[in-house]
Each structure stands twice: as C-alpha cells, then as structure tokens.
Protein backbone atom coordinates (compact mmCIF):
# COMPACT_ATOMS: atom_id res chain seq x y z
CA MET A 1 -0.04 -0.01 0.03
CA LYS A 2 1.32 3.39 -0.87
CA VAL A 3 0.42 6.72 0.92
CA TYR A 4 1.83 10.23 1.01
CA ALA A 5 3.70 11.63 4.07
CA ASN A 6 0.68 13.84 5.02
CA GLN A 7 -1.57 10.72 5.20
CA LEU A 8 0.93 8.68 7.35
CA ARG A 9 -0.57 9.61 10.81
CA SER A 10 -4.15 8.69 9.86
CA THR A 11 -3.03 5.49 8.15
CA LEU A 12 -1.06 4.26 11.15
CA SER A 13 -3.87 5.26 13.58
CA ARG A 14 -6.30 3.03 11.75
CA LYS A 15 -4.08 -0.17 11.66
CA LEU A 16 -0.27 -0.73 12.02
CA PRO A 17 1.21 -2.59 9.11
CA LEU A 18 3.77 -5.41 9.62
CA ALA A 19 6.34 -3.21 7.77
CA CYS A 20 6.73 0.45 6.72
CA TRP A 21 9.23 1.84 4.12
CA LEU A 22 9.95 5.52 4.22
CA SER A 23 12.00 6.78 1.14
CA GLY A 24 13.05 10.30 0.19
CA ASP A 25 15.81 12.82 0.00
CA GLU A 26 14.11 15.62 1.97
CA PRO A 27 15.67 15.36 5.46
CA LEU A 28 13.04 17.26 7.44
CA GLN A 29 10.06 15.27 6.26
CA MET A 30 12.08 11.97 6.51
CA ARG A 31 12.87 12.85 10.13
CA ASP A 32 9.37 13.83 11.12
CA SER A 33 7.91 10.77 9.47
CA THR A 34 10.37 8.45 11.16
CA ASP A 35 9.63 10.12 14.50
CA LEU A 36 5.94 9.71 13.88
CA VAL A 37 6.21 5.91 13.30
CA ARG A 38 8.37 5.62 16.47
CA ASP A 39 5.94 7.74 18.62
CA ILE A 40 2.84 5.74 17.39
CA CYS A 41 4.62 2.41 18.00
CA LYS A 42 5.58 3.54 21.56
CA HIS A 43 2.08 4.48 22.42
CA GLN A 44 0.91 1.01 21.18
CA GLY A 45 3.21 -0.89 23.42
CA PHE A 46 6.33 -1.29 21.24
CA SER A 47 8.67 -0.66 24.19
CA GLU A 48 11.76 -2.36 22.59
CA ARG A 49 13.66 -1.00 19.53
CA GLU A 50 16.44 -2.57 17.47
CA ARG A 51 18.21 -0.45 14.91
CA TYR A 52 20.57 -1.47 12.08
CA ASP A 53 22.58 0.57 9.58
CA VAL A 54 22.47 -1.37 6.30
CA ASP A 55 25.46 -1.13 4.01
CA ALA A 56 27.23 -3.43 1.67
CA GLN A 57 28.69 -5.52 4.61
CA PHE A 58 25.36 -5.97 6.40
CA GLU A 59 24.40 -9.50 7.26
CA TRP A 60 20.75 -9.93 6.27
CA GLY A 61 20.51 -12.90 8.56
CA ASN A 62 20.38 -10.33 11.36
CA LEU A 63 16.99 -9.21 10.26
CA ILE A 64 15.52 -12.80 10.24
CA ALA A 65 17.08 -13.38 13.71
CA ALA A 66 15.68 -10.01 15.07
CA GLY A 67 12.24 -11.08 13.71
CA ASN A 68 12.37 -14.54 15.38
CA SER A 69 13.91 -13.50 18.71
CA LEU A 70 11.67 -13.13 21.66
CA SER A 71 12.03 -9.95 23.81
CA LEU A 72 13.01 -10.26 27.44
CA PHE A 73 11.47 -6.94 28.26
CA SER A 74 8.64 -6.39 25.87
CA ASP A 75 5.79 -7.97 24.10
CA ARG A 76 6.13 -5.78 21.02
CA LYS A 77 9.31 -4.66 19.20
CA LEU A 78 10.23 -2.01 16.53
CA ILE A 79 12.93 -3.20 14.15
CA GLU A 80 14.61 -0.32 12.09
CA LEU A 81 16.70 -0.73 9.06
CA ASN A 82 18.43 2.46 7.89
CA LEU A 83 19.29 1.68 4.19
CA LYS A 84 22.20 3.55 2.67
CA SER A 85 20.82 2.74 -0.74
CA SER A 86 17.26 1.94 -2.04
CA LYS A 87 18.84 -0.49 -4.52
CA LEU A 88 18.63 -3.87 -2.91
CA ASP A 89 20.76 -6.88 -3.98
CA GLU A 90 19.45 -10.44 -4.28
CA ALA A 91 20.30 -11.23 -0.59
CA ALA A 92 18.34 -8.25 0.51
CA ARG A 93 15.32 -9.03 -1.43
CA LYS A 94 15.26 -12.69 -0.31
CA ALA A 95 15.63 -11.69 3.39
CA LEU A 96 12.88 -9.12 3.22
CA ALA A 97 10.59 -11.66 1.43
CA GLU A 98 11.36 -14.23 4.08
CA TYR A 99 10.86 -11.81 6.87
CA LEU A 100 7.45 -10.61 5.62
CA GLU A 101 6.29 -14.17 4.83
CA HIS A 102 6.73 -15.05 8.61
CA ALA A 103 6.32 -11.59 10.09
CA SER A 104 4.99 -11.48 13.73
CA PRO A 105 2.24 -9.02 14.48
CA ASP A 106 4.13 -8.15 17.61
CA ASN A 107 6.93 -6.66 15.50
CA LEU A 108 6.92 -3.67 13.09
CA LEU A 109 9.76 -3.34 10.60
CA LEU A 110 10.66 0.26 9.69
CA LEU A 111 12.84 0.67 6.59
CA THR A 112 14.27 4.18 5.83
CA SER A 113 16.22 4.91 2.55
CA PRO A 114 17.06 7.53 -0.13
CA ARG A 115 14.39 7.89 -2.70
CA ILE A 116 13.50 4.77 -4.68
CA GLU A 117 14.38 5.03 -8.36
CA PRO A 118 11.58 4.66 -10.89
CA ALA A 119 13.23 1.73 -12.55
CA THR A 120 13.15 -0.10 -9.17
CA VAL A 121 9.44 0.70 -8.61
CA LYS A 122 8.63 -0.95 -11.88
CA THR A 123 10.29 -4.35 -10.96
CA GLN A 124 8.28 -7.43 -10.20
CA TRP A 125 10.08 -7.99 -6.82
CA PHE A 126 9.28 -4.57 -5.59
CA SER A 127 5.65 -4.71 -6.73
CA LYS A 128 5.19 -7.87 -4.59
CA LEU A 129 7.11 -6.20 -1.69
CA GLU A 130 4.97 -3.06 -2.04
CA SER A 131 1.79 -5.20 -1.58
CA GLN A 132 3.07 -6.41 1.72
CA LEU A 133 4.01 -3.14 3.50
CA LEU A 134 3.20 0.45 3.83
CA LEU A 135 5.20 2.55 1.29
CA VAL A 136 5.73 6.32 1.93
CA GLN A 137 7.63 8.16 -0.81
CA ILE A 138 8.62 11.54 0.43
CA TYR A 139 9.13 14.42 -2.09
CA PRO A 140 10.56 17.90 -1.48
CA LEU A 141 7.80 20.53 -1.32
CA ASP A 142 7.21 22.60 -4.50
CA ALA A 143 7.88 26.43 -3.99
CA ASP A 144 4.20 27.17 -4.44
CA LYS A 145 3.15 24.87 -1.60
CA LEU A 146 5.73 26.09 0.90
CA PRO A 147 3.77 29.05 2.23
CA ALA A 148 0.86 26.72 3.15
CA TRP A 149 3.29 24.43 4.89
CA ILE A 150 4.83 27.28 6.82
CA SER A 151 1.49 28.70 7.88
CA GLY A 152 0.49 25.11 9.11
CA ARG A 153 3.84 24.74 11.05
CA LEU A 154 3.32 28.22 12.71
CA LYS A 155 -0.24 27.36 13.62
CA GLU A 156 0.95 24.23 15.34
CA LEU A 157 2.98 26.52 17.66
CA GLY A 158 0.13 28.90 18.22
CA ILE A 159 1.33 31.61 15.81
CA THR A 160 -0.44 33.36 13.01
CA ALA A 161 1.15 35.52 10.30
CA ASP A 162 0.18 37.82 7.45
CA ALA A 163 0.31 36.35 3.94
CA ASP A 164 3.17 38.63 2.86
CA ALA A 165 5.19 37.66 6.05
CA VAL A 166 4.77 33.96 5.22
CA GLN A 167 5.76 34.55 1.61
CA LEU A 168 8.96 36.39 2.84
CA LEU A 169 9.86 33.57 5.10
CA ALA A 170 9.34 31.10 2.32
CA ASP A 171 11.56 33.09 -0.11
CA ARG A 172 14.32 33.26 2.52
CA ILE A 173 14.42 29.45 3.26
CA GLU A 174 13.31 28.20 -0.06
CA GLY A 175 14.73 24.73 -0.77
CA ASN A 176 15.84 24.12 2.80
CA MET A 177 13.01 22.87 5.03
CA LEU A 178 15.38 22.09 7.87
CA ALA A 179 16.25 25.77 8.03
CA ALA A 180 12.60 26.65 7.75
CA ASP A 181 11.81 24.52 10.76
CA GLN A 182 14.76 26.05 12.79
CA GLU A 183 13.50 29.63 11.84
CA ILE A 184 9.91 28.75 12.87
CA ILE A 185 11.03 27.41 16.19
CA LYS A 186 13.17 30.59 16.65
CA LEU A 187 10.12 32.73 16.01
CA GLN A 188 8.18 30.88 18.62
CA LEU A 189 11.00 31.39 21.17
CA LEU A 190 11.21 35.05 20.44
CA PHE A 191 7.62 35.91 20.31
CA GLY A 192 5.78 33.03 22.10
CA SER A 193 2.47 31.49 21.35
CA GLY A 194 -0.57 33.66 20.43
CA LYS A 195 1.55 36.21 18.52
CA HIS A 196 0.51 37.56 15.11
CA LEU A 197 3.52 38.17 12.94
CA GLY A 198 3.78 40.94 10.20
CA ILE A 199 6.39 41.20 7.55
CA GLU A 200 8.49 43.44 9.68
CA HIS A 201 8.99 40.65 12.19
CA ILE A 202 10.15 38.21 9.55
CA ALA A 203 12.40 40.74 7.87
CA ARG A 204 14.09 41.51 11.24
CA THR A 205 14.56 38.05 12.61
CA VAL A 206 14.90 35.51 9.74
CA ALA A 207 18.28 34.87 8.07
CA ASP A 208 18.44 34.45 4.28
CA ASN A 209 18.85 30.70 4.31
CA ALA A 210 17.54 29.97 0.77
CA ARG A 211 19.41 27.08 -0.77
CA PHE A 212 19.23 27.94 -4.52
CA ASN A 213 20.35 24.85 -6.34
CA VAL A 214 20.49 23.51 -9.86
CA PHE A 215 17.47 21.34 -9.43
CA GLY A 216 15.42 24.30 -8.10
CA LEU A 217 16.59 26.34 -11.16
CA ILE A 218 15.34 23.67 -13.53
CA ASP A 219 11.98 23.37 -11.71
CA ALA A 220 11.65 27.13 -11.89
CA CYS A 221 12.33 27.10 -15.65
CA LEU A 222 9.82 24.33 -16.27
CA ALA A 223 7.21 26.12 -14.16
CA GLY A 224 7.65 29.34 -15.98
CA ASP A 225 8.66 31.27 -12.87
CA SER A 226 10.96 33.92 -14.44
CA ALA A 227 11.33 35.88 -11.22
CA ARG A 228 12.54 32.74 -9.30
CA VAL A 229 14.81 31.91 -12.21
CA ALA A 230 16.52 35.27 -12.01
CA ARG A 231 16.91 35.16 -8.28
CA THR A 232 18.35 31.53 -8.34
CA LEU A 233 20.71 32.42 -11.06
CA GLN A 234 22.06 35.38 -9.13
CA ARG A 235 22.53 33.21 -6.03
CA LEU A 236 24.14 30.46 -7.88
CA GLN A 237 26.66 33.00 -9.47
CA GLN A 238 27.42 34.50 -6.04
CA GLU A 239 28.06 31.09 -4.61
CA GLY A 240 30.57 30.27 -7.36
CA GLN A 241 28.53 27.69 -9.23
CA GLU A 242 30.51 26.06 -12.00
CA LEU A 243 28.74 26.85 -15.32
CA LEU A 244 29.80 23.68 -17.21
CA PRO A 245 27.85 21.07 -15.19
CA LEU A 246 24.93 23.59 -14.76
CA ASN A 247 24.68 23.88 -18.54
CA ALA A 248 24.98 20.20 -19.06
CA MET A 249 22.01 19.47 -16.71
CA ILE A 250 19.99 22.10 -18.38
CA CYS A 251 20.76 20.60 -21.81
CA LYS A 252 19.74 17.23 -20.51
CA GLU A 253 16.29 18.61 -19.44
CA LEU A 254 15.79 20.42 -22.69
CA ARG A 255 16.66 17.23 -24.79
CA GLN A 256 14.12 15.22 -22.74
CA LEU A 257 11.63 17.92 -23.08
CA SER A 258 12.27 18.10 -26.86
CA GLY A 259 11.55 14.40 -27.24
CA MET A 260 8.26 14.77 -25.37
CA ALA A 261 7.31 17.79 -27.41
CA GLY A 262 7.96 15.97 -30.57
CA ASP A 263 5.63 13.10 -29.44
CA VAL A 264 2.91 15.58 -28.53
CA ALA A 265 3.30 17.38 -31.96
CA ARG A 266 2.80 13.98 -33.68
CA GLY A 267 -0.52 13.67 -32.04
CA HIS A 268 0.18 11.57 -28.94
CA ARG A 269 -1.75 12.38 -25.72
CA MET A 270 0.34 14.40 -23.39
CA ASP A 271 -0.45 12.15 -20.38
CA ASP A 272 0.58 9.07 -22.35
CA VAL A 273 3.84 10.79 -23.50
CA ILE A 274 4.67 11.83 -19.87
CA GLN A 275 4.04 8.20 -18.55
CA ARG A 276 6.21 6.77 -21.48
CA HIS A 277 9.07 9.05 -20.59
CA HIS A 278 8.92 7.99 -16.91
CA VAL A 279 8.39 11.52 -15.47
CA TRP A 280 8.25 11.55 -11.67
CA LYS A 281 4.81 12.29 -10.23
CA ASN A 282 5.87 15.39 -8.41
CA LYS A 283 7.38 16.81 -11.68
CA GLN A 284 4.50 15.99 -14.03
CA GLY A 285 2.69 19.28 -13.44
CA MET A 286 5.71 21.34 -14.35
CA ILE A 287 6.38 19.27 -17.41
CA ARG A 288 2.79 19.66 -18.64
CA HIS A 289 3.13 23.46 -18.05
CA ALA A 290 6.35 23.61 -20.13
CA LEU A 291 4.92 21.45 -22.94
CA ARG A 292 1.93 23.73 -23.36
CA ARG A 293 4.10 26.86 -23.26
CA LEU A 294 6.90 25.72 -25.50
CA THR A 295 6.84 24.39 -29.08
CA SER A 296 9.36 21.83 -30.50
CA SER A 297 11.07 24.63 -32.42
CA GLN A 298 11.28 26.84 -29.41
CA ILE A 299 12.90 24.06 -27.40
CA ASP A 300 15.33 23.34 -30.25
CA GLU A 301 16.32 27.01 -30.16
CA LEU A 302 16.99 26.84 -26.52
CA ILE A 303 19.28 23.89 -27.18
CA MET A 304 21.10 25.95 -29.69
CA GLN A 305 21.48 28.81 -27.02
CA ALA A 306 22.93 26.12 -24.61
CA ARG A 307 25.69 25.38 -27.25
CA GLN A 308 26.45 29.12 -27.23
CA VAL A 309 26.80 29.02 -23.47
CA ASP A 310 29.12 26.09 -23.79
CA LEU A 311 31.33 27.91 -26.33
CA ALA A 312 31.35 30.96 -23.92
CA ILE A 313 32.46 28.81 -21.03
CA LYS A 314 35.33 27.47 -23.18
CA GLY A 315 36.45 30.88 -24.27
CA MET A 316 35.19 30.41 -27.83
CA GLN A 317 32.44 33.00 -27.58
CA SER A 318 32.98 36.79 -27.02
CA LEU A 319 29.81 37.26 -24.90
CA PRO A 320 29.98 36.63 -21.05
CA ALA A 321 28.84 33.04 -20.28
CA TRP A 322 26.69 34.11 -17.26
CA MET A 323 24.83 36.51 -19.44
CA LEU A 324 24.17 33.91 -22.04
CA MET A 325 23.06 31.50 -19.25
CA GLU A 326 20.66 34.14 -18.00
CA GLN A 327 19.10 34.60 -21.54
CA LEU A 328 18.91 30.74 -21.84
CA CYS A 329 17.16 30.06 -18.50
CA LEU A 330 14.85 33.13 -18.79
CA GLY A 331 13.97 31.99 -22.28
CA PHE A 332 13.33 28.50 -20.99
CA SER A 333 10.95 30.04 -18.42
CA GLY A 334 9.09 31.88 -21.12
CA LEU A 335 10.73 35.36 -20.76
CA SER A 336 12.58 36.42 -23.86
CA LEU A 337 15.34 38.93 -23.64
CA PRO A 338 16.58 40.95 -26.69
CA GLU A 339 20.05 39.97 -27.90
CA ASN A 340 21.48 43.34 -26.89
CA ALA A 341 20.01 43.22 -23.34
C-alpha cells in the first residue's frame, strides 16, 4: 500500500502494518515521518527497539534473527533498518521476502532509505514487496506549496502571520526545509504562542537561508517562474557555481523535453507521453506546463542557445557566459530577452 507523508498519521492510527518503508531525500520530512512511526509504536506498546545501519557488509540474517527472537522486556518490538541505498541486491530481497512471509504481528519493521528510483518501482520483486508493506515516498515541497506548509507549522505553535510575512519567510528559506523549521522554532521562542506576525517581524529576525540549487533552477524554468529563475541564477553565481555542469544539466532537461514535445506534436496524448518518458509524479505538473508553453522549435532554439553558453564557457564566444546563461534560462521560463539586453 502506498500513501503520501501527510497521510501517514491517519493511516497508522487505523491499523499498524507489519512493515513500513519511508523513502526520500528531503531530510526534515524524513525525520518527522520516522519520529511519527516511533511515537505511534511507543504508544501502542512497542517498548523495545532494534536499529541496524545497512551497508554493503550488512548480514541480512540479522533481520531474520531479530524477527524470530523473543524480547525479554517487551511483548512488542520495533525493528529499524536504515538503508544507505534503495537499490537492494538479491540477498536483501530474499531476506525481506522471508521476513514478511513469517512476520510476527508483535513486531513492526521500519525501513528508511534515499528515494526509490523509478526503474526499481517497476520491477516485479518490488511490486510484490509493496503489496506487503506500507510505502511512503517523500518528495521535497514545491515552492508554491511552501507558504501553506509554513502557515501550518506556525499554527501548530500557536502563531499566525500575514500572507506577505509567510511569503517572505518562504523566499528566505526556499529549498531548505530544515532551515525553515529552525527559523519557525526561533520565531516561537522570540515571540511566544498567541502572537500574530507581520512582515517586519520576519524581515528583522529570519536569516536568508535559501538554498538555490541547480534542481530548483530547472524546476523554476519548467514552471515558467521567471522571477525565481533570475533570483536563483544570481545566488548560484554569487556562490561560485561552475557553469559547465549547470549547462549540462539544463541541456539534458531540454533534450528530454524536446523528445516529449515531438511526441505531442505528432498527435500523442500528453499524459501518455509523460508516462512513457517515466516522469516523476511530483514533476509532471511542471512538465505539462512547459509542454503547453513551448513548441518543439522553441525548445530546439533553446538547445542551440545552450551550445553558445558552452562555447562561452570554453572561451570560444565573445559574450559573457553568465549573461548567455541568463538569457537561456529566462527563455526556458518563457521570458525572452533581446540579444542586446
């Protein structure tokens, strides 16, 4: 069974599964989800906990032994496996299958791992495994959903805030939810519960912790958010981001988009095209937006602009590479600049 992170509490409250797998690369939501499973287990009598860090040297027989061993101090036990990778070898698959086949209802197996690759999700062994456990795939929050999350987090601490104050906080911690959580806790310590915050409170107390990264830049390009593109590029330049790998990643995205745009132009349904190209669920909305906004010829022109960026990086083009990169990314987002801008 598969659920989203915001459904985890209600799902566990109805019935505890024999096993739960939390996967994702967003540390705050992974931490909160892991703590939630532990707390609910504790309140339901799981007073013993065994934890294993799973690397290439891990002996999977330890899992079977943990499942079979009786506790001296508790009737119920939480067994945690912290997976360093979501790619499981044959020994791992067999051990998990054996454990689940003979799982005791007095134990709960909690797996935590980096995000599971789409190719893994489509395998037969994983489909069988998924039917036997609760799967929670955790994705980073999109920028447009961050204000609502911040408002909810503040409300939990008894704090309300103006919409523009929440937006400023979102802008300053964008891409770094751990920093957001720390800043929200700091606001609660400074002002206490029952306080209503305006934009001046946020401006005065919240550091600029935004983590403007390459993936955020690409998402902003796909979403057509030109203001965010310009802001992200400025920060990347200030932080000394190397242009060559940045340009390579943008080229890769444009080529994938070009292939999808070509399929759509040939009359294929957009949803079918997105599925065939194995686009992640949390990215499908941005891809649809980009495909509706950009034609095949426009995408091909952007790929040609990326070649000019590459030449500039290598000193074979007279124009500054960062200027050309800005023109490329803003064009990708739908904002065209004149050549002499």
